[in-house]
Amino acid sequence: MPRPTVVLILSVVLTSLVSAQNQPASNSRAVAYAARAVAALTGGATISDVTLTGSVTWNGSDTGTATLKALGTGESRIDLALTSGTRTEIRDAQTGASQGKWVTPNNSSGSFAWHNCQTDAVWYFPALGSLAAGQGVVLSYVGQESRNGVRVQHIQSHVYQNYQTISGVAVPMHIQRYQQGNGVVDLALSGASFNNGLQFSTFTIS
């Protein structure tokens, strides 16, 4: 029996600028809806890590294959084997402070700007993204709205498509990411595996 489509629209406030005692509280209704969404996505299973594979289009024209890994809500690694070469992006929160590093096909590299490390590290897998309400995430409830003809609870704004159930977990097999209205990443996944025992060393930024 196919699992009902999960439509998620989430408003997230990331609060790394304030201390834990001053951090605003998440809305209880938003937390409840987020928990229900994660349960629907995972079938109630606990997911500690994920590895996704598929094809990718980068910046509209550079194509290739993609491997995306995540450990918990703070560690992520994206490796793209593109026509132009290999591109890698890593997010690392092992020290308690989020860091990011990129490596381009010409082997230049650099660190993510601080504000770019305050977004979802695992933006490509909703069950380990902001819905999981990791450290520094505050969930707000906006209300109901109609989206693509479906009534949804408005709790952000990533759209994931073509969910398929793999090992009991609903995985969005088509993921698109935009920046300022422009398509940056278009992923068509072909496989997913969970709880593989990924190590923190995979995500360490030196």
C-alpha atoms as a PDB file:
ATOM      1  CA  MET A   1       0.000   0.000   0.000  1.00  0.00           C
ATOM      2  CA  PRO A   2       1.618   3.310  -1.030  1.00  0.00           C
ATOM      3  CA  ARG A   3       2.374   5.766   1.753  1.00  0.00           C
ATOM      4  CA  PRO A   4       0.431   9.064   1.595  1.00  0.00           C
ATOM      5  CA  THR A   5       2.291  11.932  -0.027  1.00  0.00           C
ATOM      6  CA  VAL A   6       4.036  14.113   2.528  1.00  0.00           C
ATOM      7  CA  VAL A   7       4.037  17.814   1.679  1.00  0.00           C
ATOM      8  CA  LEU A   8       6.285  19.881   3.924  1.00  0.00           C
ATOM      9  CA  ILE A   9       6.442  23.660   4.090  1.00  0.00           C
ATOM     10  CA  LEU A  10       8.581  24.657   7.040  1.00  0.00           C
ATOM     11  CA  SER A  11       9.436  27.990   8.613  1.00  0.00           C
ATOM     12  CA  VAL A  12      12.715  27.635  10.474  1.00  0.00           C
ATOM     13  CA  VAL A  13      14.538  30.105  12.663  1.00  0.00           C
ATOM     14  CA  LEU A  14      18.202  29.312  13.261  1.00  0.00           C
ATOM     15  CA  THR A  15      19.407  30.876  16.473  1.00  0.00           C
ATOM     16  CA  SER A  16      23.154  30.490  16.718  1.00  0.00           C
ATOM     17  CA  LEU A  17      23.499  34.195  17.545  1.00  0.00           C
ATOM     18  CA  VAL A  18      21.797  33.800  20.905  1.00  0.00           C
ATOM     19  CA  SER A  19      22.631  31.719  23.938  1.00  0.00           C
ATOM     20  CA  ALA A  20      20.630  28.620  24.737  1.00  0.00           C
ATOM     21  CA  GLN A  21      18.884  30.345  27.658  1.00  0.00           C
ATOM     22  CA  ASN A  22      17.725  33.203  25.392  1.00  0.00           C
ATOM     23  CA  GLN A  23      16.695  31.023  22.467  1.00  0.00           C
ATOM     24  CA  PRO A  24      13.000  31.401  21.654  1.00  0.00           C
ATOM     25  CA  ALA A  25      10.877  28.314  22.116  1.00  0.00           C
ATOM     26  CA  SER A  26       9.523  26.358  19.180  1.00  0.00           C
ATOM     27  CA  ASN A  27       5.781  26.472  18.675  1.00  0.00           C
ATOM     28  CA  SER A  28       4.304  23.295  20.160  1.00  0.00           C
ATOM     29  CA  ARG A  29       1.986  22.736  17.203  1.00  0.00           C
ATOM     30  CA  ALA A  30       4.889  23.092  14.755  1.00  0.00           C
ATOM     31  CA  VAL A  31       6.938  20.606  16.786  1.00  0.00           C
ATOM     32  CA  ALA A  32       4.037  18.139  16.777  1.00  0.00           C
ATOM     33  CA  TYR A  33       3.531  18.430  13.015  1.00  0.00           C
ATOM     34  CA  ALA A  34       7.276  18.070  12.419  1.00  0.00           C
ATOM     35  CA  ALA A  35       7.389  14.927  14.558  1.00  0.00           C
ATOM     36  CA  ARG A  36       4.430  13.480  12.671  1.00  0.00           C
ATOM     37  CA  ALA A  37       6.077  14.306   9.347  1.00  0.00           C
ATOM     38  CA  VAL A  38       9.331  12.590  10.361  1.00  0.00           C
ATOM     39  CA  ALA A  39       7.367   9.533  11.549  1.00  0.00           C
ATOM     40  CA  ALA A  40       5.507   9.420   8.222  1.00  0.00           C
ATOM     41  CA  LEU A  41       8.764   9.686   6.291  1.00  0.00           C
ATOM     42  CA  THR A  42      10.634   7.033   8.268  1.00  0.00           C
ATOM     43  CA  GLY A  43       7.799   4.668   9.107  1.00  0.00           C
ATOM     44  CA  GLY A  44       8.770   5.168  12.751  1.00  0.00           C
ATOM     45  CA  ALA A  45      12.301   3.821  12.232  1.00  0.00           C
ATOM     46  CA  THR A  46      15.291   5.610  13.761  1.00  0.00           C
ATOM     47  CA  ILE A  47      17.625   6.918  11.048  1.00  0.00           C
ATOM     48  CA  SER A  48      21.147   7.749  12.224  1.00  0.00           C
ATOM     49  CA  ASP A  49      22.796   8.123   8.836  1.00  0.00           C
ATOM     50  CA  VAL A  50      21.909   8.073   5.151  1.00  0.00           C
ATOM     51  CA  THR A  51      23.712   7.614   1.831  1.00  0.00           C
ATOM     52  CA  LEU A  52      21.978   8.732  -1.369  1.00  0.00           C
ATOM     53  CA  THR A  53      23.183   8.206  -4.945  1.00  0.00           C
ATOM     54  CA  GLY A  54      21.960   9.468  -8.271  1.00  0.00           C
ATOM     55  CA  SER A  55      22.505  11.817 -11.205  1.00  0.00           C
ATOM     56  CA  VAL A  56      22.875  15.580 -10.910  1.00  0.00           C
ATOM     57  CA  THR A  57      22.757  18.778 -12.941  1.00  0.00           C
ATOM     58  CA  TRP A  58      24.810  21.603 -11.434  1.00  0.00           C
ATOM     59  CA  ASN A  59      24.120  25.242 -12.325  1.00  0.00           C
ATOM     60  CA  GLY A  60      21.865  24.247 -15.178  1.00  0.00           C
ATOM     61  CA  SER A  61      24.366  22.555 -17.494  1.00  0.00           C
ATOM     62  CA  ASP A  62      27.147  20.671 -15.680  1.00  0.00           C
ATOM     63  CA  THR A  63      25.985  17.048 -15.348  1.00  0.00           C
ATOM     64  CA  GLY A  64      27.279  13.937 -13.634  1.00  0.00           C
ATOM     65  CA  THR A  65      26.701  11.628 -10.682  1.00  0.00           C
ATOM     66  CA  ALA A  66      26.153  12.444  -7.026  1.00  0.00           C
ATOM     67  CA  THR A  67      26.791  10.782  -3.677  1.00  0.00           C
ATOM     68  CA  LEU A  68      25.239  12.488  -0.664  1.00  0.00           C
ATOM     69  CA  LYS A  69      25.946  11.327   2.889  1.00  0.00           C
ATOM     70  CA  ALA A  70      24.706  12.498   6.271  1.00  0.00           C
ATOM     71  CA  LEU A  71      25.281  11.526   9.879  1.00  0.00           C
ATOM     72  CA  GLY A  72      22.676  12.917  12.253  1.00  0.00           C
ATOM     73  CA  THR A  73      21.426  16.433  11.590  1.00  0.00           C
ATOM     74  CA  GLY A  74      24.777  18.251  11.612  1.00  0.00           C
ATOM     75  CA  GLU A  75      27.168  16.252   9.420  1.00  0.00           C
ATOM     76  CA  SER A  76      26.819  16.141   5.644  1.00  0.00           C
ATOM     77  CA  ARG A  77      28.975  15.505   2.598  1.00  0.00           C
ATOM     78  CA  ILE A  78      28.131  15.951  -1.073  1.00  0.00           C
ATOM     79  CA  ASP A  79      30.456  14.546  -3.731  1.00  0.00           C
ATOM     80  CA  LEU A  80      29.588  15.415  -7.332  1.00  0.00           C
ATOM     81  CA  ALA A  81      31.463  13.812 -10.232  1.00  0.00           C
ATOM     82  CA  LEU A  82      30.679  16.383 -12.929  1.00  0.00           C
ATOM     83  CA  THR A  83      31.710  16.819 -16.531  1.00  0.00           C
ATOM     84  CA  SER A  84      33.909  19.706 -15.363  1.00  0.00           C
ATOM     85  CA  GLY A  85      35.486  17.663 -12.551  1.00  0.00           C
ATOM     86  CA  THR A  86      34.761  16.763  -8.924  1.00  0.00           C
ATOM     87  CA  ARG A  87      32.950  19.113  -6.570  1.00  0.00           C
ATOM     88  CA  THR A  88      32.702  18.440  -2.831  1.00  0.00           C
ATOM     89  CA  GLU A  89      30.780  20.221  -0.089  1.00  0.00           C
ATOM     90  CA  ILE A  90      31.138  19.263   3.588  1.00  0.00           C
ATOM     91  CA  ARG A  91      29.265  20.432   6.669  1.00  0.00           C
ATOM     92  CA  ASP A  92      30.762  19.569  10.064  1.00  0.00           C
ATOM     93  CA  ALA A  93      29.288  20.301  13.501  1.00  0.00           C
ATOM     94  CA  GLN A  94      31.407  17.945  15.626  1.00  0.00           C
ATOM     95  CA  THR A  95      32.926  20.797  17.634  1.00  0.00           C
ATOM     96  CA  GLY A  96      29.528  22.288  18.461  1.00  0.00           C
ATOM     97  CA  ALA A  97      29.989  25.093  15.925  1.00  0.00           C
ATOM     98  CA  SER A  98      28.822  24.494  12.357  1.00  0.00           C
ATOM     99  CA  GLN A  99      31.529  24.673   9.697  1.00  0.00           C
ATOM    100  CA  GLY A 100      31.471  24.242   5.943  1.00  0.00           C
ATOM    101  CA  LYS A 101      34.042  23.615   3.229  1.00  0.00           C
ATOM    102  CA  TRP A 102      33.841  23.465  -0.558  1.00  0.00           C
ATOM    103  CA  VAL A 103      36.239  22.078  -3.162  1.00  0.00           C
ATOM    104  CA  THR A 104      35.693  22.952  -6.834  1.00  0.00           C
ATOM    105  CA  PRO A 105      36.650  20.980  -9.961  1.00  0.00           C
ATOM    106  CA  ASN A 106      39.819  23.078 -10.375  1.00  0.00           C
ATOM    107  CA  ASN A 107      40.878  22.007  -6.850  1.00  0.00           C
ATOM    108  CA  SER A 108      40.392  25.435  -5.320  1.00  0.00           C
ATOM    109  CA  SER A 109      38.758  25.274  -1.883  1.00  0.00           C
ATOM    110  CA  GLY A 110      37.441  27.506   0.836  1.00  0.00           C
ATOM    111  CA  SER A 111      35.224  27.777   3.882  1.00  0.00           C
ATOM    112  CA  PHE A 112      31.513  28.521   3.848  1.00  0.00           C
ATOM    113  CA  ALA A 113      30.514  31.944   5.091  1.00  0.00           C
ATOM    114  CA  TRP A 114      29.232  31.817   8.658  1.00  0.00           C
ATOM    115  CA  HIS A 115      25.619  32.520   7.677  1.00  0.00           C
ATOM    116  CA  ASN A 116      25.681  29.665   5.145  1.00  0.00           C
ATOM    117  CA  CYS A 117      26.487  27.291   8.001  1.00  0.00           C
ATOM    118  CA  GLN A 118      23.273  28.247   9.802  1.00  0.00           C
ATOM    119  CA  THR A 119      21.060  26.475   7.271  1.00  0.00           C
ATOM    120  CA  ASP A 120      20.143  22.787   7.058  1.00  0.00           C
ATOM    121  CA  ALA A 121      23.278  20.673   6.723  1.00  0.00           C
ATOM    122  CA  VAL A 122      21.140  17.785   5.458  1.00  0.00           C
ATOM    123  CA  TRP A 123      18.833  19.776   3.164  1.00  0.00           C
ATOM    124  CA  TYR A 124      18.515  16.833   0.754  1.00  0.00           C
ATOM    125  CA  PHE A 125      16.961  14.383   3.254  1.00  0.00           C
ATOM    126  CA  PRO A 126      14.010  15.879   5.167  1.00  0.00           C
ATOM    127  CA  ALA A 127      14.008  13.343   8.008  1.00  0.00           C
ATOM    128  CA  LEU A 128      17.460  14.575   9.108  1.00  0.00           C
ATOM    129  CA  GLY A 129      16.852  18.227   8.238  1.00  0.00           C
ATOM    130  CA  SER A 130      15.119  20.975  10.204  1.00  0.00           C
ATOM    131  CA  LEU A 131      12.114  18.731  10.796  1.00  0.00           C
ATOM    132  CA  ALA A 132      14.299  16.779  13.217  1.00  0.00           C
ATOM    133  CA  ALA A 133      14.715  20.044  15.187  1.00  0.00           C
ATOM    134  CA  GLY A 134      18.444  19.798  15.778  1.00  0.00           C
ATOM    135  CA  GLN A 135      20.410  22.154  17.979  1.00  0.00           C
ATOM    136  CA  GLY A 136      19.703  25.822  17.273  1.00  0.00           C
ATOM    137  CA  VAL A 137      16.503  25.204  15.291  1.00  0.00           C
ATOM    138  CA  VAL A 138      13.236  26.882  16.252  1.00  0.00           C
ATOM    139  CA  LEU A 139      10.051  25.781  14.465  1.00  0.00           C
ATOM    140  CA  SER A 140       7.220  28.258  13.856  1.00  0.00           C
ATOM    141  CA  TYR A 141       3.630  27.435  12.920  1.00  0.00           C
ATOM    142  CA  VAL A 142       2.114  29.544  10.133  1.00  0.00           C
ATOM    143  CA  GLY A 143      -1.131  27.708   9.439  1.00  0.00           C
ATOM    144  CA  GLN A 144      -2.914  25.887   6.648  1.00  0.00           C
ATOM    145  CA  GLU A 145      -2.569  26.833   3.013  1.00  0.00           C
ATOM    146  CA  SER A 146      -3.223  25.323  -0.377  1.00  0.00           C
ATOM    147  CA  ARG A 147      -0.146  24.257  -2.352  1.00  0.00           C
ATOM    148  CA  ASN A 148      -0.428  22.660  -5.795  1.00  0.00           C
ATOM    149  CA  GLY A 149      -4.070  21.932  -5.061  1.00  0.00           C
ATOM    150  CA  VAL A 150      -3.307  20.158  -1.757  1.00  0.00           C
ATOM    151  CA  ARG A 151      -4.182  21.478   1.711  1.00  0.00           C
ATOM    152  CA  VAL A 152      -0.975  21.493   3.736  1.00  0.00           C
ATOM    153  CA  GLN A 153       0.155  22.614   7.149  1.00  0.00           C
ATOM    154  CA  HIS A 154       2.593  25.485   6.689  1.00  0.00           C
ATOM    155  CA  ILE A 155       5.285  24.821   9.232  1.00  0.00           C
ATOM    156  CA  GLN A 156       9.109  25.961   5.198  1.00  0.00           C
ATOM    157  CA  SER A 157       9.888  26.020   1.662  1.00  0.00           C
ATOM    158  CA  HIS A 158      11.896  23.151   0.201  1.00  0.00           C
ATOM    159  CA  VAL A 159       9.920  21.067  -2.253  1.00  0.00           C
ATOM    160  CA  TYR A 160      10.786  17.378  -2.628  1.00  0.00           C
ATOM    161  CA  GLN A 161       9.206  15.254  -5.317  1.00  0.00           C
ATOM    162  CA  ASN A 162       8.619  11.664  -6.418  1.00  0.00           C
ATOM    163  CA  TYR A 163       8.766   9.977  -3.003  1.00  0.00           C
ATOM    164  CA  GLN A 164       9.528   6.265  -3.108  1.00  0.00           C
ATOM    165  CA  THR A 165       9.690   3.846  -0.200  1.00  0.00           C
ATOM    166  CA  ILE A 166      13.133   2.278   0.270  1.00  0.00           C
ATOM    167  CA  SER A 167      13.651  -0.079   3.214  1.00  0.00           C
ATOM    168  CA  GLY A 168      10.500   1.342   4.788  1.00  0.00           C
ATOM    169  CA  VAL A 169      11.661   4.982   4.493  1.00  0.00           C
ATOM    170  CA  ALA A 170      10.054   7.542   2.169  1.00  0.00           C
ATOM    171  CA  VAL A 171      12.809   9.113   0.049  1.00  0.00           C
ATOM    172  CA  PRO A 172      12.313  12.084  -2.294  1.00  0.00           C
ATOM    173  CA  MET A 173      13.851  10.823  -5.521  1.00  0.00           C
ATOM    174  CA  HIS A 174      13.768  14.246  -7.212  1.00  0.00           C
ATOM    175  CA  ILE A 175      15.229  17.216  -5.317  1.00  0.00           C
ATOM    176  CA  GLN A 176      15.752  20.739  -6.617  1.00  0.00           C
ATOM    177  CA  ARG A 177      17.553  23.562  -4.855  1.00  0.00           C
ATOM    178  CA  TYR A 178      17.326  27.216  -5.818  1.00  0.00           C
ATOM    179  CA  GLN A 179      19.233  30.325  -4.821  1.00  0.00           C
ATOM    180  CA  GLN A 180      17.624  33.695  -5.508  1.00  0.00           C
ATOM    181  CA  GLY A 181      15.225  32.033  -7.912  1.00  0.00           C
ATOM    182  CA  ASN A 182      17.931  30.295  -9.941  1.00  0.00           C
ATOM    183  CA  GLY A 183      18.298  26.520 -10.094  1.00  0.00           C
ATOM    184  CA  VAL A 184      21.593  25.423  -8.560  1.00  0.00           C
ATOM    185  CA  VAL A 185      21.184  21.688  -7.989  1.00  0.00           C
ATOM    186  CA  ASP A 186      18.792  19.246  -9.643  1.00  0.00           C
ATOM    187  CA  LEU A 187      19.124  15.735  -8.210  1.00  0.00           C
ATOM    188  CA  ALA A 188      17.517  12.578  -9.563  1.00  0.00           C
ATOM    189  CA  LEU A 189      18.243   9.872  -7.003  1.00  0.00           C
ATOM    190  CA  SER A 190      18.567   6.213  -7.906  1.00  0.00           C
ATOM    191  CA  GLY A 191      19.399   4.677  -4.539  1.00  0.00           C
ATOM    192  CA  ALA A 192      19.363   5.191  -0.784  1.00  0.00           C
ATOM    193  CA  SER A 193      20.669   3.250   2.204  1.00  0.00           C
ATOM    194  CA  PHE A 194      20.392   3.880   5.917  1.00  0.00           C
ATOM    195  CA  ASN A 195      22.214   3.229   9.175  1.00  0.00           C
ATOM    196  CA  ASN A 196      25.403   2.142   7.427  1.00  0.00           C
ATOM    197  CA  GLY A 197      27.630   3.086  10.351  1.00  0.00           C
ATOM    198  CA  LEU A 198      29.070   6.218   8.757  1.00  0.00           C
ATOM    199  CA  GLN A 199      31.944   7.679  10.776  1.00  0.00           C
ATOM    200  CA  PHE A 200      32.512  11.279  11.833  1.00  0.00           C
ATOM    201  CA  SER A 201      35.860  11.165  10.044  1.00  0.00           C
ATOM    202  CA  THR A 202      33.974  11.250   6.726  1.00  0.00           C
ATOM    203  CA  PHE A 203      32.790  14.767   7.587  1.00  0.00           C
ATOM    204  CA  THR A 204      35.787  16.183   9.438  1.00  0.00           C
ATOM    205  CA  ILE A 205      37.003  19.559   8.164  1.00  0.00           C
ATOM    206  CA  SER A 206      40.697  20.062   8.807  1.00  0.00           C
END
